[in-house]
Amino acid sequence: MKKTIAKILVAMVVALAASLPASAQFRYGPVLGATATNLTFKQELASVSQTPGFQAGLQTELMFPGIGFGIDFGLIYNMAGANVNLGDKLIWSSQGFGKERIMLHQLNIPFHLRFKYTRLGGLEEYFAPFVYGGPDFNILLGHSHCEAMEWSGGDLSLTAGAGVELMRHWQVSASYNWGMTYALKTKLLTNYSARTRQWTVRVAYLF
């Protein structure tokens, strides 16, 4: 099922690229990122602290010359999670749970609208700022072992970010991601679920 969804999204982007005017510029390349992630539970029943992670995958960009607008899409491995101290409450500490490192391994599929400012009198060949934002679809690939939790198969989030393109190929960006749907929940408490919050710094090279 997860592979089918990814194939459908890739096919949609390829079909869109094929149907656009020849003036549209489609580029792709590898991307690497460093992340700091947290989990936001519905109630503050346990202390939570963020954890570092990383990203790696493929990024694409489809831009319309002259207007500066376009879209970006990707297939990116994402590590997310947090340290959750379940030992704060008797309901979990009585069963032997303490400070748990909760990690999620996801296939991150961003689909963002972006604007790149290129009217810089020739400087855009070396330096071009851009902003972007939109939804991210996250498919769960795996997770850490914690018997206290139940995991969703995936979640939806929103991203807002900004960056700069250097020398027409390198892109450096930073973004913040808000989870809109739950990524996991506890087994013992009804509707006690958590959403992800993530800071990301990325470097991409587009051919």
C-alpha atoms as a PDB file:
ATOM      1  CA  MET A   1       0.000   0.000   0.000  1.00  0.00           C
ATOM      2  CA  LYS A   2       2.769   2.442   0.951  1.00  0.00           C
ATOM      3  CA  LYS A   3       4.717   1.676  -2.241  1.00  0.00           C
ATOM      4  CA  THR A   4       1.549   2.112  -4.308  1.00  0.00           C
ATOM      5  CA  ILE A   5       0.900   5.596  -2.867  1.00  0.00           C
ATOM      6  CA  ALA A   6       4.492   6.644  -3.571  1.00  0.00           C
ATOM      7  CA  LYS A   7       4.281   5.347  -7.167  1.00  0.00           C
ATOM      8  CA  ILE A   8       1.024   7.218  -7.760  1.00  0.00           C
ATOM      9  CA  LEU A   9       2.499  10.507  -6.491  1.00  0.00           C
ATOM     10  CA  VAL A  10       5.614  10.090  -8.655  1.00  0.00           C
ATOM     11  CA  ALA A  11       3.439   9.344 -11.704  1.00  0.00           C
ATOM     12  CA  MET A  12       1.365  12.472 -11.020  1.00  0.00           C
ATOM     13  CA  VAL A  13       4.441  14.696 -10.914  1.00  0.00           C
ATOM     14  CA  VAL A  14       5.905  13.150 -14.084  1.00  0.00           C
ATOM     15  CA  ALA A  15       2.578  13.608 -15.896  1.00  0.00           C
ATOM     16  CA  LEU A  16       2.353  17.218 -14.724  1.00  0.00           C
ATOM     17  CA  ALA A  17       5.884  17.943 -15.887  1.00  0.00           C
ATOM     18  CA  ALA A  18       5.164  16.391 -19.294  1.00  0.00           C
ATOM     19  CA  SER A  19       2.023  18.501 -19.781  1.00  0.00           C
ATOM     20  CA  LEU A  20       3.634  21.859 -18.976  1.00  0.00           C
ATOM     21  CA  PRO A  21       4.991  24.289 -21.558  1.00  0.00           C
ATOM     22  CA  ALA A  22       8.551  23.845 -22.738  1.00  0.00           C
ATOM     23  CA  SER A  23       9.504  27.074 -20.953  1.00  0.00           C
ATOM     24  CA  ALA A  24       8.949  25.438 -17.535  1.00  0.00           C
ATOM     25  CA  GLN A  25      12.210  24.293 -15.973  1.00  0.00           C
ATOM     26  CA  PHE A  26      12.266  20.910 -14.250  1.00  0.00           C
ATOM     27  CA  ARG A  27      15.282  19.991 -12.114  1.00  0.00           C
ATOM     28  CA  TYR A  28      16.133  17.272  -9.639  1.00  0.00           C
ATOM     29  CA  GLY A  29      18.950  16.193  -7.367  1.00  0.00           C
ATOM     30  CA  PRO A  30      20.014  14.769  -3.991  1.00  0.00           C
ATOM     31  CA  VAL A  31      19.175  16.473  -0.706  1.00  0.00           C
ATOM     32  CA  LEU A  32      20.570  16.065   2.819  1.00  0.00           C
ATOM     33  CA  GLY A  33      19.184  17.584   5.982  1.00  0.00           C
ATOM     34  CA  ALA A  34      19.647  17.876   9.727  1.00  0.00           C
ATOM     35  CA  THR A  35      16.556  17.983  11.948  1.00  0.00           C
ATOM     36  CA  ALA A  36      15.444  18.733  15.504  1.00  0.00           C
ATOM     37  CA  THR A  37      12.101  17.103  16.286  1.00  0.00           C
ATOM     38  CA  ASN A  38       9.629  17.192  19.132  1.00  0.00           C
ATOM     39  CA  LEU A  39       6.316  15.497  19.914  1.00  0.00           C
ATOM     40  CA  THR A  40       3.357  17.574  21.067  1.00  0.00           C
ATOM     41  CA  PHE A  41       0.841  15.576  23.095  1.00  0.00           C
ATOM     42  CA  LYS A  42      -2.733  16.714  23.682  1.00  0.00           C
ATOM     43  CA  GLN A  43      -2.031  17.050  27.405  1.00  0.00           C
ATOM     44  CA  GLU A  44       1.218  17.605  29.310  1.00  0.00           C
ATOM     45  CA  LEU A  45       1.136  14.338  31.238  1.00  0.00           C
ATOM     46  CA  ALA A  46       4.797  13.488  30.606  1.00  0.00           C
ATOM     47  CA  SER A  47       7.879  15.627  30.001  1.00  0.00           C
ATOM     48  CA  VAL A  48       9.079  15.649  26.406  1.00  0.00           C
ATOM     49  CA  SER A  49      12.364  16.866  24.912  1.00  0.00           C
ATOM     50  CA  GLN A  50      13.408  17.120  21.279  1.00  0.00           C
ATOM     51  CA  THR A  51      15.897  14.840  19.545  1.00  0.00           C
ATOM     52  CA  PRO A  52      18.227  15.355  16.565  1.00  0.00           C
ATOM     53  CA  GLY A  53      17.763  13.452  13.329  1.00  0.00           C
ATOM     54  CA  PHE A  54      18.545  13.611   9.638  1.00  0.00           C
ATOM     55  CA  GLN A  55      17.034  13.445   6.176  1.00  0.00           C
ATOM     56  CA  ALA A  56      18.276  12.124   2.835  1.00  0.00           C
ATOM     57  CA  GLY A  57      16.603  11.651  -0.508  1.00  0.00           C
ATOM     58  CA  LEU A  58      15.576  13.140  -3.839  1.00  0.00           C
ATOM     59  CA  GLN A  59      14.278  16.679  -4.365  1.00  0.00           C
ATOM     60  CA  THR A  60      12.719  18.070  -7.517  1.00  0.00           C
ATOM     61  CA  GLU A  61      11.818  21.589  -8.580  1.00  0.00           C
ATOM     62  CA  LEU A  62       9.517  22.802 -11.336  1.00  0.00           C
ATOM     63  CA  MET A  63       9.756  26.557 -11.970  1.00  0.00           C
ATOM     64  CA  PHE A  64       8.050  28.898 -14.424  1.00  0.00           C
ATOM     65  CA  PRO A  65      10.600  31.427 -15.741  1.00  0.00           C
ATOM     66  CA  GLY A  66       9.479  35.035 -15.731  1.00  0.00           C
ATOM     67  CA  ILE A  67       6.960  34.765 -12.879  1.00  0.00           C
ATOM     68  CA  GLY A  68       9.164  33.170 -10.229  1.00  0.00           C
ATOM     69  CA  PHE A  69       6.566  30.650  -9.067  1.00  0.00           C
ATOM     70  CA  GLY A  70       6.827  26.881  -9.108  1.00  0.00           C
ATOM     71  CA  ILE A  71       6.431  23.719  -7.070  1.00  0.00           C
ATOM     72  CA  ASP A  72       8.789  21.321  -5.374  1.00  0.00           C
ATOM     73  CA  PHE A  73       8.329  17.629  -4.703  1.00  0.00           C
ATOM     74  CA  GLY A  74      10.488  14.987  -3.091  1.00  0.00           C
ATOM     75  CA  LEU A  75      10.952  11.457  -1.826  1.00  0.00           C
ATOM     76  CA  ILE A  76      12.928  11.834   1.397  1.00  0.00           C
ATOM     77  CA  TYR A  77      13.795   9.559   4.291  1.00  0.00           C
ATOM     78  CA  ASN A  78      13.025  11.413   7.531  1.00  0.00           C
ATOM     79  CA  MET A  79      13.938  10.541  11.120  1.00  0.00           C
ATOM     80  CA  ALA A  80      11.585  12.106  13.684  1.00  0.00           C
ATOM     81  CA  GLY A  81      10.752  11.634  17.364  1.00  0.00           C
ATOM     82  CA  ALA A  82      11.488  12.797  20.894  1.00  0.00           C
ATOM     83  CA  ASN A  83      12.503  11.707  24.377  1.00  0.00           C
ATOM     84  CA  VAL A  84       9.343  11.028  26.383  1.00  0.00           C
ATOM     85  CA  ASN A  85       9.611  10.482  30.144  1.00  0.00           C
ATOM     86  CA  LEU A  86       6.716   8.083  30.766  1.00  0.00           C
ATOM     87  CA  GLY A  87       8.106   7.520  34.250  1.00  0.00           C
ATOM     88  CA  ASP A  88       6.576  10.872  35.256  1.00  0.00           C
ATOM     89  CA  LYS A  89       3.211   9.146  35.759  1.00  0.00           C
ATOM     90  CA  LEU A  90       2.332   6.076  37.817  1.00  0.00           C
ATOM     91  CA  ILE A  91       0.199   4.617  35.031  1.00  0.00           C
ATOM     92  CA  TRP A  92       3.391   3.926  33.051  1.00  0.00           C
ATOM     93  CA  SER A  93       6.116   3.802  35.726  1.00  0.00           C
ATOM     94  CA  SER A  94       4.223   0.991  37.497  1.00  0.00           C
ATOM     95  CA  GLN A  95       4.702  -1.095  34.331  1.00  0.00           C
ATOM     96  CA  GLY A  96       8.417  -0.399  34.101  1.00  0.00           C
ATOM     97  CA  PHE A  97       8.384   2.445  31.572  1.00  0.00           C
ATOM     98  CA  GLY A  98      10.762   5.337  32.144  1.00  0.00           C
ATOM     99  CA  LYS A  99      12.469   7.769  29.789  1.00  0.00           C
ATOM    100  CA  GLU A 100      11.743   6.391  26.317  1.00  0.00           C
ATOM    101  CA  ARG A 101      13.396   7.501  23.081  1.00  0.00           C
ATOM    102  CA  ILE A 102      10.500   7.445  20.621  1.00  0.00           C
ATOM    103  CA  MET A 103      11.684   7.477  17.004  1.00  0.00           C
ATOM    104  CA  LEU A 104       9.775   7.314  13.731  1.00  0.00           C
ATOM    105  CA  HIS A 105      11.308   6.426  10.364  1.00  0.00           C
ATOM    106  CA  GLN A 106       9.258   8.011   7.605  1.00  0.00           C
ATOM    107  CA  LEU A 107       9.065   8.464   3.864  1.00  0.00           C
ATOM    108  CA  ASN A 108       8.508  12.213   3.625  1.00  0.00           C
ATOM    109  CA  ILE A 109       6.721  13.377   0.454  1.00  0.00           C
ATOM    110  CA  PRO A 110       6.626  17.197   0.312  1.00  0.00           C
ATOM    111  CA  PHE A 111       4.463  19.023  -2.212  1.00  0.00           C
ATOM    112  CA  HIS A 112       5.153  22.744  -1.865  1.00  0.00           C
ATOM    113  CA  LEU A 113       4.449  25.961  -3.694  1.00  0.00           C
ATOM    114  CA  ARG A 114       7.578  28.093  -3.955  1.00  0.00           C
ATOM    115  CA  PHE A 115       8.567  31.562  -5.090  1.00  0.00           C
ATOM    116  CA  LYS A 116      12.110  32.385  -6.198  1.00  0.00           C
ATOM    117  CA  TYR A 117      13.196  36.004  -6.692  1.00  0.00           C
ATOM    118  CA  THR A 118      15.398  36.182  -9.775  1.00  0.00           C
ATOM    119  CA  ARG A 119      15.151  39.816 -10.902  1.00  0.00           C
ATOM    120  CA  LEU A 120      18.477  40.838  -9.449  1.00  0.00           C
ATOM    121  CA  GLY A 121      20.186  42.329 -12.480  1.00  0.00           C
ATOM    122  CA  GLY A 122      22.412  39.329 -13.115  1.00  0.00           C
ATOM    123  CA  LEU A 123      23.152  38.504  -9.455  1.00  0.00           C
ATOM    124  CA  GLU A 124      20.591  35.684  -9.646  1.00  0.00           C
ATOM    125  CA  GLU A 125      23.260  33.643 -11.435  1.00  0.00           C
ATOM    126  CA  TYR A 126      25.074  33.519  -8.102  1.00  0.00           C
ATOM    127  CA  PHE A 127      22.442  34.280  -5.468  1.00  0.00           C
ATOM    128  CA  ALA A 128      18.634  33.884  -5.585  1.00  0.00           C
ATOM    129  CA  PRO A 129      16.446  33.845  -2.426  1.00  0.00           C
ATOM    130  CA  PHE A 130      13.280  31.750  -2.284  1.00  0.00           C
ATOM    131  CA  VAL A 131      10.406  30.892   0.050  1.00  0.00           C
ATOM    132  CA  TYR A 132       8.167  27.834   0.041  1.00  0.00           C
ATOM    133  CA  GLY A 133       5.320  26.173   1.882  1.00  0.00           C
ATOM    134  CA  GLY A 134       2.655  23.506   1.673  1.00  0.00           C
ATOM    135  CA  PRO A 135       1.686  20.006   2.780  1.00  0.00           C
ATOM    136  CA  ASP A 136       3.938  17.054   3.563  1.00  0.00           C
ATOM    137  CA  PHE A 137       2.712  13.454   3.413  1.00  0.00           C
ATOM    138  CA  ASN A 138       4.613  11.178   5.804  1.00  0.00           C
ATOM    139  CA  ILE A 139       4.412   7.403   5.397  1.00  0.00           C
ATOM    140  CA  LEU A 140       5.623   5.366   8.374  1.00  0.00           C
ATOM    141  CA  LEU A 141       8.410   2.959   7.411  1.00  0.00           C
ATOM    142  CA  GLY A 142       9.404   1.829  10.920  1.00  0.00           C
ATOM    143  CA  HIS A 143       9.631   2.938  14.545  1.00  0.00           C
ATOM    144  CA  SER A 144      11.439   2.348  17.821  1.00  0.00           C
ATOM    145  CA  HIS A 145      10.264  -0.403  20.151  1.00  0.00           C
ATOM    146  CA  CYS A 146       7.939   0.950  22.846  1.00  0.00           C
ATOM    147  CA  GLU A 147       5.073  -1.226  24.089  1.00  0.00           C
ATOM    148  CA  ALA A 148       3.282   1.796  25.531  1.00  0.00           C
ATOM    149  CA  MET A 149       2.601   3.303  22.094  1.00  0.00           C
ATOM    150  CA  GLU A 150       0.426   2.675  19.066  1.00  0.00           C
ATOM    151  CA  TRP A 151       1.537   4.071  15.713  1.00  0.00           C
ATOM    152  CA  SER A 152      -0.391   5.575  12.841  1.00  0.00           C
ATOM    153  CA  GLY A 153       0.512   4.415   9.361  1.00  0.00           C
ATOM    154  CA  GLY A 154       1.377   7.981   8.423  1.00  0.00           C
ATOM    155  CA  ASP A 155       0.475  11.585   9.056  1.00  0.00           C
ATOM    156  CA  LEU A 156      -0.091  14.910   7.317  1.00  0.00           C
ATOM    157  CA  SER A 157       1.896  18.044   8.142  1.00  0.00           C
ATOM    158  CA  LEU A 158       2.440  21.592   6.879  1.00  0.00           C
ATOM    159  CA  THR A 159       5.801  23.225   6.151  1.00  0.00           C
ATOM    160  CA  ALA A 160       6.967  26.820   5.794  1.00  0.00           C
ATOM    161  CA  GLY A 161      10.542  27.657   4.868  1.00  0.00           C
ATOM    162  CA  ALA A 162      13.022  29.951   3.152  1.00  0.00           C
ATOM    163  CA  GLY A 163      16.404  29.583   1.537  1.00  0.00           C
ATOM    164  CA  VAL A 164      18.865  30.710  -1.062  1.00  0.00           C
ATOM    165  CA  GLU A 165      20.069  29.248  -4.354  1.00  0.00           C
ATOM    166  CA  LEU A 166      23.801  29.582  -4.974  1.00  0.00           C
ATOM    167  CA  MET A 167      25.529  29.334  -8.348  1.00  0.00           C
ATOM    168  CA  ARG A 168      22.301  28.074  -9.993  1.00  0.00           C
ATOM    169  CA  HIS A 169      22.668  24.586  -8.487  1.00  0.00           C
ATOM    170  CA  TRP A 170      23.162  24.612  -4.706  1.00  0.00           C
ATOM    171  CA  GLN A 171      20.138  25.282  -2.503  1.00  0.00           C
ATOM    172  CA  VAL A 172      20.409  25.884   1.246  1.00  0.00           C
ATOM    173  CA  SER A 173      17.140  26.181   3.176  1.00  0.00           C
ATOM    174  CA  ALA A 174      15.602  26.105   6.646  1.00  0.00           C
ATOM    175  CA  SER A 175      11.999  25.234   7.516  1.00  0.00           C
ATOM    176  CA  TYR A 176       9.534  24.476  10.283  1.00  0.00           C
ATOM    177  CA  ASN A 177       7.011  21.654  10.056  1.00  0.00           C
ATOM    178  CA  TRP A 178       3.701  21.359  11.957  1.00  0.00           C
ATOM    179  CA  GLY A 179       2.038  17.957  12.265  1.00  0.00           C
ATOM    180  CA  MET A 180      -1.687  18.263  11.466  1.00  0.00           C
ATOM    181  CA  THR A 181      -2.690  14.674  12.277  1.00  0.00           C
ATOM    182  CA  TYR A 182      -1.451  12.342  15.000  1.00  0.00           C
ATOM    183  CA  ALA A 183       1.682  10.252  14.488  1.00  0.00           C
ATOM    184  CA  LEU A 184       1.312   8.017  17.572  1.00  0.00           C
ATOM    185  CA  LYS A 185      -0.813   7.547  20.698  1.00  0.00           C
ATOM    186  CA  THR A 186      -0.599   5.703  23.984  1.00  0.00           C
ATOM    187  CA  LYS A 187      -2.373   2.379  24.484  1.00  0.00           C
ATOM    188  CA  LEU A 188      -3.544   2.988  28.059  1.00  0.00           C
ATOM    189  CA  LEU A 189      -5.123   6.450  27.824  1.00  0.00           C
ATOM    190  CA  THR A 190      -8.001   7.175  25.467  1.00  0.00           C
ATOM    191  CA  ASN A 191      -7.200   9.677  22.706  1.00  0.00           C
ATOM    192  CA  TYR A 192      -3.811  10.652  24.207  1.00  0.00           C
ATOM    193  CA  SER A 193      -1.995  11.265  20.929  1.00  0.00           C
ATOM    194  CA  ALA A 194       0.985  13.252  19.694  1.00  0.00           C
ATOM    195  CA  ARG A 195       1.844  15.279  16.610  1.00  0.00           C
ATOM    196  CA  THR A 196       5.318  16.051  15.333  1.00  0.00           C
ATOM    197  CA  ARG A 197       7.050  19.430  15.293  1.00  0.00           C
ATOM    198  CA  GLN A 198      10.291  19.669  13.329  1.00  0.00           C
ATOM    199  CA  TRP A 199      13.007  22.195  12.481  1.00  0.00           C
ATOM    200  CA  THR A 200      15.020  21.296   9.382  1.00  0.00           C
ATOM    201  CA  VAL A 201      18.109  22.627   7.621  1.00  0.00           C
ATOM    202  CA  ARG A 202      18.679  21.197   4.132  1.00  0.00           C
ATOM    203  CA  VAL A 203      21.315  21.330   1.421  1.00  0.00           C
ATOM    204  CA  ALA A 204      20.369  20.195  -2.093  1.00  0.00           C
ATOM    205  CA  TYR A 205      22.176  20.072  -5.434  1.00  0.00           C
ATOM    206  CA  LEU A 206      19.877  20.348  -8.453  1.00  0.00           C
ATOM    207  CA  PHE A 207      21.048  19.336 -11.913  1.00  0.00           C
END
